[in-house]
Protein backbone atom coordinates (compact mmCIF):
# COMPACT_ATOMS: atom_id res chain seq x y z
CA MET A 1 216.58 102.46 121.37
CA MET A 2 219.67 101.53 123.12
CA LEU A 3 220.33 102.93 126.67
CA THR A 4 223.44 104.49 128.18
CA ARG A 5 225.10 102.54 131.29
CA ARG A 6 223.79 106.01 134.09
CA THR A 7 220.30 105.75 131.55
CA SER A 8 220.12 102.32 132.66
CA LEU A 9 221.36 102.42 136.80
CA ALA A 10 218.98 105.61 136.91
CA LEU A 11 216.30 103.39 135.48
CA GLY A 12 217.24 101.21 137.38
CA ALA A 13 217.07 102.81 141.04
CA VAL A 14 213.69 104.34 139.95
CA LEU A 15 212.50 100.46 139.26
CA GLY A 16 214.15 99.44 142.56
CA LEU A 17 212.37 101.85 144.50
CA ALA A 18 208.87 101.22 142.47
CA LEU A 19 209.45 97.40 143.65
CA GLY A 20 210.35 98.30 147.19
CA ALA A 21 207.76 100.60 147.99
CA ASN A 22 204.42 98.08 146.65
CA PRO A 23 204.90 95.39 149.12
CA ALA A 24 204.80 97.80 151.66
CA LEU A 25 201.47 99.66 149.51
CA ALA A 26 200.10 95.78 149.25
CA GLN A 27 201.01 95.05 152.89
CA LYS A 28 198.15 93.21 154.82
CA LYS A 29 197.55 95.13 158.44
CA TYR A 30 195.03 93.88 160.96
CA GLY A 31 193.31 94.98 163.62
CA PRO A 32 191.92 92.03 166.55
CA GLY A 33 189.22 90.32 164.39
CA ALA A 34 190.29 90.73 161.34
CA SER A 35 192.46 87.84 159.27
CA ASP A 36 193.13 86.96 155.91
CA THR A 37 189.75 84.83 156.00
CA GLU A 38 187.85 87.05 158.44
CA ILE A 39 186.30 89.99 159.69
CA LYS A 40 184.67 89.57 162.51
CA ILE A 41 181.79 92.04 163.72
CA GLY A 42 179.76 92.69 166.89
CA ASN A 43 176.46 93.24 168.06
CA THR A 44 174.03 93.28 170.18
CA ASN A 45 170.29 93.19 169.90
CA PRO A 46 166.84 93.35 171.81
CA TYR A 47 165.60 89.56 170.78
CA SER A 48 163.19 89.27 174.08
CA GLY A 49 161.93 91.53 176.45
CA PRO A 50 159.82 94.67 175.65
CA ALA A 51 161.81 96.01 172.75
CA SER A 52 161.77 92.55 171.17
CA SER A 53 159.65 93.68 168.11
CA TYR A 54 163.08 95.24 166.84
CA GLY A 55 165.08 91.90 166.97
CA THR A 56 164.20 91.32 163.12
CA ILE A 57 166.60 94.45 163.06
CA GLY A 58 168.98 91.66 163.95
CA LYS A 59 168.33 88.88 162.17
CA THR A 60 168.02 90.90 159.02
CA GLN A 61 171.39 92.28 159.38
CA ALA A 62 172.69 89.00 159.85
CA ALA A 63 170.86 87.74 156.99
CA TYR A 64 172.29 89.55 154.76
CA PHE A 65 175.84 88.69 156.08
CA GLU A 66 174.87 85.34 155.22
CA MET A 67 174.44 86.09 151.64
CA LEU A 68 177.50 88.08 151.22
CA ASN A 69 179.29 85.28 152.49
CA LYS A 70 177.75 82.96 150.35
CA GLU A 71 177.04 85.04 147.55
CA LYS A 72 179.83 87.39 147.61
CA GLY A 73 182.54 85.46 148.48
CA GLY A 74 182.47 87.90 152.09
CA ILE A 75 184.06 91.37 152.02
CA ASN A 76 187.66 91.75 149.74
CA GLY A 77 188.18 87.72 149.89
CA ARG A 78 187.14 87.63 153.94
CA LYS A 79 184.05 86.12 155.19
CA VAL A 80 182.18 88.08 158.22
CA ASN A 81 181.87 86.80 160.97
CA PHE A 82 178.59 88.43 162.58
CA ILE A 83 178.37 87.83 166.02
CA THR A 84 174.73 89.34 167.59
CA LEU A 85 173.93 88.96 171.24
CA ASP A 86 170.40 89.37 172.95
CA ASP A 87 170.28 92.35 175.45
CA GLY A 88 166.68 92.04 176.52
CA TYR A 89 167.08 95.92 176.10
CA SER A 90 168.50 96.44 179.58
CA PRO A 91 171.47 98.22 179.71
CA PRO A 92 173.56 96.36 182.61
CA LYS A 93 173.07 93.31 179.91
CA THR A 94 174.15 95.70 177.32
CA VAL A 95 177.21 95.87 179.57
CA GLU A 96 177.93 92.37 179.37
CA GLN A 97 177.44 91.44 176.33
CA VAL A 98 179.66 94.07 174.43
CA ARG A 99 182.85 93.36 177.02
CA ARG A 100 182.11 89.65 175.79
CA LEU A 101 182.19 90.69 172.05
CA VAL A 102 185.43 92.62 172.62
CA GLU A 103 187.66 90.74 175.26
CA GLN A 104 186.72 87.60 174.60
CA ASP A 105 185.49 87.27 170.87
CA GLN A 106 188.15 90.32 169.78
CA VAL A 107 185.49 91.79 167.63
CA LEU A 108 187.14 94.51 165.28
CA ALA A 109 184.25 96.53 165.86
CA VAL A 110 180.65 97.02 167.14
CA PHE A 111 177.63 97.53 164.53
CA ALA A 112 174.30 98.21 164.93
CA THR A 113 174.01 98.18 168.83
CA LEU A 114 170.03 98.75 169.06
CA GLY A 115 168.50 101.51 171.62
CA THR A 116 169.87 104.50 173.48
CA PRO A 117 169.92 103.22 177.10
CA THR A 118 171.61 101.02 176.23
CA ASN A 119 174.31 101.88 174.32
CA THR A 120 174.47 104.92 176.77
CA ALA A 121 175.79 102.72 178.85
CA PHE A 122 178.73 101.13 177.06
CA HIS A 123 179.59 104.63 174.81
CA LYS A 124 182.65 105.50 176.99
CA TYR A 125 184.07 101.71 177.56
CA ILE A 126 183.65 101.40 173.90
CA ASN A 127 185.64 104.76 173.66
CA GLY A 128 187.71 103.98 175.96
CA LYS A 129 189.03 100.37 174.41
CA LYS A 130 189.49 102.14 170.88
CA VAL A 131 186.94 99.74 169.32
CA PRO A 132 184.73 100.95 166.27
CA HIS A 133 181.05 101.51 167.76
CA LEU A 134 179.77 102.27 164.42
CA PHE A 135 176.03 102.91 163.13
CA LEU A 136 174.14 102.69 165.44
CA ALA A 137 170.65 101.64 165.59
CA THR A 138 169.76 105.53 167.64
CA GLY A 139 169.22 108.42 166.77
CA ALA A 140 170.23 109.77 169.57
CA THR A 141 172.00 113.36 168.86
CA LYS A 142 174.93 112.61 171.39
CA TRP A 143 176.44 109.75 169.14
CA ASN A 144 177.60 112.49 166.45
CA ASP A 145 180.44 113.93 168.95
CA PRO A 146 183.71 113.56 167.28
CA LYS A 147 186.01 115.72 169.41
CA ASN A 148 184.73 113.64 172.48
CA HIS A 149 183.68 110.52 171.46
CA PRO A 150 186.22 109.68 167.69
CA TRP A 151 184.98 105.87 167.68
CA THR A 152 181.02 106.19 167.61
CA ILE A 153 179.24 106.82 164.74
CA GLY A 154 175.23 106.86 164.19
CA TRP A 155 173.44 106.00 161.15
CA GLN A 156 169.89 107.89 160.96
CA PRO A 157 169.35 110.44 161.24
CA ASN A 158 169.04 112.12 164.64
CA TYR A 159 165.63 112.36 167.01
CA GLN A 160 166.38 116.12 167.82
CA THR A 161 165.82 117.18 163.84
CA GLU A 162 163.42 114.95 163.68
CA ALA A 163 161.17 116.17 166.77
CA ALA A 164 161.76 119.83 165.46
CA ILE A 165 160.72 119.10 161.89
CA TYR A 166 157.26 117.88 163.56
CA ALA A 167 157.46 121.21 165.97
CA SER A 168 157.56 123.47 163.19
CA TYR A 169 155.27 121.91 161.02
CA ILE A 170 152.65 122.10 163.43
CA MET A 171 153.38 125.78 163.99
CA ARG A 172 153.24 126.05 160.48
CA ASN A 173 149.82 124.06 160.53
CA HIS A 174 148.05 124.48 163.70
CA PRO A 175 148.75 127.44 165.08
CA ASN A 176 146.56 127.23 167.64
CA ALA A 177 147.50 123.67 168.68
CA LYS A 178 147.52 122.42 172.24
CA VAL A 179 150.11 119.64 172.45
CA GLY A 180 150.18 116.59 174.90
CA VAL A 181 153.42 114.82 175.01
CA LEU A 182 154.23 111.09 175.86
CA TYR A 183 157.36 109.88 176.12
CA GLN A 184 159.86 107.31 177.19
CA ASN A 185 161.56 108.44 180.86
CA ASP A 186 165.49 107.41 179.54
CA ASP A 187 167.95 109.00 177.20
CA TYR A 188 166.35 108.29 173.95
CA GLY A 189 162.49 109.77 174.87
CA LYS A 190 164.49 113.15 176.37
CA ASP A 191 166.24 113.61 173.28
CA TYR A 192 162.98 113.29 171.66
CA LEU A 193 161.29 115.88 174.30
CA HIS A 194 164.64 118.23 174.46
CA GLY A 195 164.37 118.60 169.99
CA PHE A 196 160.31 119.05 170.32
CA LEU A 197 160.31 121.12 172.61
CA ALA A 198 163.45 123.34 171.70
CA GLY A 199 161.39 123.60 167.77
CA PHE A 200 158.40 125.78 169.53
CA GLY A 201 161.67 128.50 170.72
CA ASP A 202 160.44 130.75 172.85
CA LYS A 203 156.63 129.39 171.57
CA VAL A 204 156.83 126.31 173.88
CA LYS A 205 154.53 127.57 176.39
CA GLN A 206 152.36 128.72 173.83
CA TYR A 207 151.88 125.51 172.36
CA VAL A 208 152.46 122.41 175.13
CA VAL A 209 150.63 121.97 177.60
CA ALA A 210 150.98 118.80 178.83
CA GLN A 211 154.40 116.19 179.41
CA VAL A 212 153.85 113.00 180.37
CA SER A 213 156.49 109.73 180.96
CA TYR A 214 156.65 106.40 181.18
CA GLU A 215 159.22 103.93 182.21
CA VAL A 216 160.03 100.98 179.80
CA THR A 217 158.66 98.26 182.75
CA ASP A 218 155.21 99.97 182.99
CA ALA A 219 152.67 97.32 181.31
CA THR A 220 150.69 99.67 180.13
CA VAL A 221 150.54 103.79 179.16
CA ASP A 222 146.42 103.26 179.55
CA SER A 223 146.72 106.00 182.15
CA GLN A 224 149.27 108.66 180.79
CA ILE A 225 146.71 108.33 177.49
CA ILE A 226 143.92 109.73 179.81
CA SER A 227 145.93 112.14 181.43
CA LEU A 228 147.06 113.27 177.94
CA LYS A 229 142.83 114.10 176.71
CA GLY A 230 142.34 115.22 180.21
CA SER A 231 145.20 118.22 179.45
CA GLY A 232 142.74 119.81 176.79
CA ALA A 233 145.48 118.62 173.73
CA ASP A 234 144.28 118.69 170.56
CA THR A 235 147.89 118.02 169.16
CA PHE A 236 150.10 114.59 170.18
CA PHE A 237 153.57 113.63 169.90
CA ASN A 238 154.12 110.20 170.67
CA ILE A 239 157.29 109.36 171.66
CA THR A 240 158.06 105.54 172.12
CA ILE A 241 159.47 102.21 171.35
CA PRO A 242 156.75 99.81 169.34
CA LYS A 243 155.06 98.47 171.79
CA PHE A 244 154.29 101.23 173.85
CA ALA A 245 153.31 103.56 170.70
CA ALA A 246 150.58 100.34 169.35
CA GLN A 247 149.18 100.84 172.99
CA ALA A 248 149.12 105.01 172.95
CA VAL A 249 147.12 105.00 169.36
CA ARG A 250 144.70 102.08 170.11
CA LYS A 251 143.59 103.76 173.18
CA ALA A 252 143.27 107.24 172.28
CA TYR A 253 141.15 105.68 169.96
CA ASP A 254 138.90 103.65 172.25
CA ILE A 255 137.97 106.66 174.92
CA ASP A 256 137.30 109.53 171.47
CA TRP A 257 140.19 110.87 171.78
CA LYS A 258 140.84 112.32 168.55
CA PRO A 259 144.18 114.29 168.36
CA THR A 260 146.14 115.33 165.38
CA GLN A 261 148.84 112.39 165.99
CA PHE A 262 152.72 112.26 165.77
CA LEU A 263 154.60 109.29 165.78
CA ASN A 264 158.36 108.81 166.44
CA ASN A 265 160.11 107.44 163.23
CA VAL A 266 161.57 104.78 165.36
CA SER A 267 157.59 103.47 165.77
CA ASN A 268 156.30 103.99 162.07
CA SER A 269 156.08 100.29 161.20
CA ILE A 270 152.96 99.55 160.00
CA GLY A 271 153.47 95.70 160.80
CA SER A 272 154.74 95.82 164.15
CA VAL A 273 152.78 99.20 165.57
CA LEU A 274 149.76 100.30 163.27
CA GLN A 275 148.45 96.67 163.04
CA PRO A 276 148.57 95.57 166.33
CA ALA A 277 147.07 99.02 167.18
CA GLY A 278 144.51 98.73 164.34
CA LEU A 279 144.61 100.13 161.07
CA GLU A 280 141.37 102.44 161.14
CA LYS A 281 142.36 103.75 164.50
CA SER A 282 145.72 104.89 163.03
CA LYS A 283 144.37 106.66 160.04
CA GLY A 284 145.95 110.51 159.93
CA ILE A 285 149.19 109.99 162.14
CA ILE A 286 151.77 112.02 160.99
CA SER A 287 155.24 110.85 160.77
CA SER A 288 158.52 110.57 158.65
CA ARG A 289 160.88 108.75 156.65
CA TYR A 290 164.60 108.59 155.26
CA TYR A 291 164.11 105.13 153.47
CA ILE A 292 160.93 103.45 151.26
CA ASP A 293 157.88 101.48 152.83
CA PRO A 294 158.02 98.06 151.92
CA THR A 295 154.51 98.33 151.31
CA GLU A 296 154.53 101.17 149.15
CA PRO A 297 152.93 100.81 145.95
CA GLU A 298 154.93 102.89 143.74
CA ILE A 299 157.95 100.32 144.46
CA GLN A 300 157.09 97.45 144.03
CA ASN A 301 158.67 97.11 140.42
CA HIS A 302 161.44 98.72 141.36
CA PRO A 303 164.74 96.90 141.13
CA ASP A 304 165.94 97.98 144.11
CA PHE A 305 162.97 96.55 146.22
CA LYS A 306 163.04 92.98 143.57
CA GLU A 307 166.52 92.92 145.09
CA TRP A 308 165.57 93.47 148.51
CA LEU A 309 162.48 91.38 148.43
CA ALA A 310 164.59 87.78 146.54
CA PHE A 311 167.12 88.03 149.15
CA MET A 312 164.14 88.27 152.12
CA LYS A 313 162.65 85.30 150.76
CA LYS A 314 166.10 83.57 150.42
CA TYR A 315 168.09 84.22 153.49
CA TYR A 316 165.43 85.41 156.12
CA PRO A 317 162.23 83.79 155.32
CA ASP A 318 160.98 84.34 158.36
CA GLY A 319 160.53 87.69 157.84
CA ALA A 320 157.65 89.80 157.48
CA LEU A 321 158.09 91.39 153.55
CA ASN A 322 155.51 94.74 155.55
CA GLU A 323 158.23 94.91 157.82
CA PRO A 324 160.27 98.11 157.71
CA PHE A 325 162.94 97.54 159.94
CA ASN A 326 163.85 94.88 157.64
CA VAL A 327 164.60 98.00 155.56
CA TYR A 328 166.67 99.43 157.78
CA ALA A 329 168.80 96.65 158.77
CA TYR A 330 169.38 96.06 155.24
CA LEU A 331 170.16 99.40 154.15
CA SER A 332 172.73 99.83 157.29
CA ALA A 333 174.82 96.64 156.51
CA LYS A 334 175.24 97.89 152.88
CA THR A 335 176.73 100.77 154.94
CA LEU A 336 179.50 98.95 156.81
CA GLU A 337 179.66 96.63 153.70
CA HIS A 338 180.86 99.54 151.63
CA VAL A 339 183.01 101.32 154.76
CA LEU A 340 184.66 97.13 154.60
CA ARG A 341 185.14 97.23 151.28
CA GLN A 342 186.51 101.07 151.75
CA CYS A 343 188.98 99.52 153.88
CA GLY A 344 190.45 97.03 151.13
CA ASP A 345 193.66 95.20 152.58
CA ASP A 346 193.85 97.05 155.95
CA LEU A 347 191.67 96.67 158.61
CA THR A 348 192.68 98.04 161.32
CA ARG A 349 190.38 100.12 163.92
CA GLU A 350 192.10 102.70 162.98
CA ASN A 351 191.42 102.30 159.57
CA LEU A 352 187.91 101.53 159.33
CA ILE A 353 187.05 104.28 161.80
CA LYS A 354 189.02 106.74 159.51
CA GLN A 355 187.06 105.12 156.44
CA ALA A 356 183.62 105.23 158.39
CA ALA A 357 184.19 109.02 158.87
CA SER A 358 184.88 109.34 155.31
CA ILE A 359 181.71 108.24 152.89
CA LYS A 360 180.97 110.36 150.31
CA ASN A 361 177.53 110.62 148.75
CA LEU A 362 176.88 106.89 149.01
CA LYS A 363 173.35 106.36 147.37
CA LEU A 364 171.45 103.31 149.09
CA PRO A 365 169.04 101.42 147.16
CA MET A 366 165.31 101.97 148.70
CA MET A 367 166.44 105.31 150.42
CA VAL A 368 164.31 108.40 149.61
CA GLU A 369 165.32 110.43 146.35
CA GLY A 370 168.00 112.99 146.93
CA ILE A 371 168.92 111.37 150.35
CA LEU A 372 172.53 110.55 150.13
CA LEU A 373 174.88 109.35 153.46
CA ASN A 374 177.52 111.78 153.68
CA THR A 375 180.34 112.06 156.86
CA GLY A 376 183.47 114.12 157.48
CA PRO A 377 185.81 114.37 160.53
CA ASN A 378 184.14 116.85 161.66
CA ASP A 379 180.10 115.50 161.90
CA PHE A 380 179.81 112.05 162.10
CA ALA A 381 175.70 111.97 161.28
CA PRO A 382 175.56 109.68 157.67
CA ILE A 383 171.94 110.64 157.19
CA GLU A 384 170.31 114.10 158.57
CA GLN A 385 167.58 114.69 155.68
CA MET A 386 164.03 112.99 156.01
CA GLN A 387 160.51 113.79 154.69
CA LEU A 388 157.06 114.10 156.45
CA ILE A 389 154.27 111.21 155.81
CA ARG A 390 150.41 110.25 156.25
CA PHE A 391 148.87 107.23 157.01
CA ASP A 392 145.46 106.99 155.14
CA GLY A 393 144.66 103.38 156.57
CA GLU A 394 146.65 101.46 154.33
CA LYS A 395 150.03 102.95 153.85
CA TRP A 396 152.36 106.02 154.73
CA VAL A 397 151.57 108.50 151.87
CA PRO A 398 155.06 110.87 151.57
CA PHE A 399 154.26 115.00 151.35
CA GLY A 400 156.02 118.32 151.23
CA ASP A 401 159.75 118.37 150.40
CA ILE A 402 162.68 116.46 152.20
CA LEU A 403 163.43 118.69 154.72
CA GLY A 404 166.74 118.71 157.82
């Protein structure tokens, strides 16, 4: 086929435009902490202090990024430099460590920082610096606030939704219940408490007969449990971190207080809570789930579980295989991997937060069937569904529909 000179010139112009556009489209863009070879991600975890049982989360995430670097060459050809620092679950220490990550280490983003009071301490700072503050290891409701805090995105279901699910269950199944509540006296505990009380609506005074708090610096919660028993409560909502959750379950049993017990999701680990409390003493406790506990018999032959198990044995051999926190950490790290891959060669902080707010029907291994991750510009909560579970003395048994 012959081309006229005019056609040839026109075609040449179109090709020229296309070729001129391609380098622009393919141009690599980097923010602080990103380059052709590296992506720096910052993190804080309580590797010491009263919440140190959560430290395994940071260790699992570090192991996951090590696996990515060794087996997959990192993400889009760049190794992940995961810088994780101990904050002892102390808000002032967290602020110090996050400032170091942002101002000295120059990380691209801060990821999975653990704890409601600790994240609250630097929430405004990190948004003021316009640094992505992604997939926090806390379910406080405040993290879903794209209008006022557009650089912060949570990960797990929020505490108020979870607590309201328990309240709804109590009203349906225990209409004459007298409920006592133990809660941590900070943003974490109060967020759960608010959702729980709101869940009863105008019947809250009919149901809730006692509310007692504890400080994270307390040695035990024994006196609070004795007080709740004395209130006449026959139903108990345990809003505590693992150390105090185990104490509360054990003390209730030891003083022969046998309420219907509800335990917040963030402390329903068999290995870190129920075993220290005593498995027999924990029998009948109700909690909730959105990912699958690694001890569940039904999952032992599933390919997703086998992949997680192989990862743990190779990259985190000291990690407990009956610890659900190690599944939680694995899934949150996979979420960050997904978002970083979506960024392609535009590793600016602006694009990272844009991609994190654009997750569509992400299915992760070992999530409860039917629960997908979604975010949008007006809704920063990736996971908004849960299922109730009951401890049978050996394992958690799911029951009922997906709720939320």
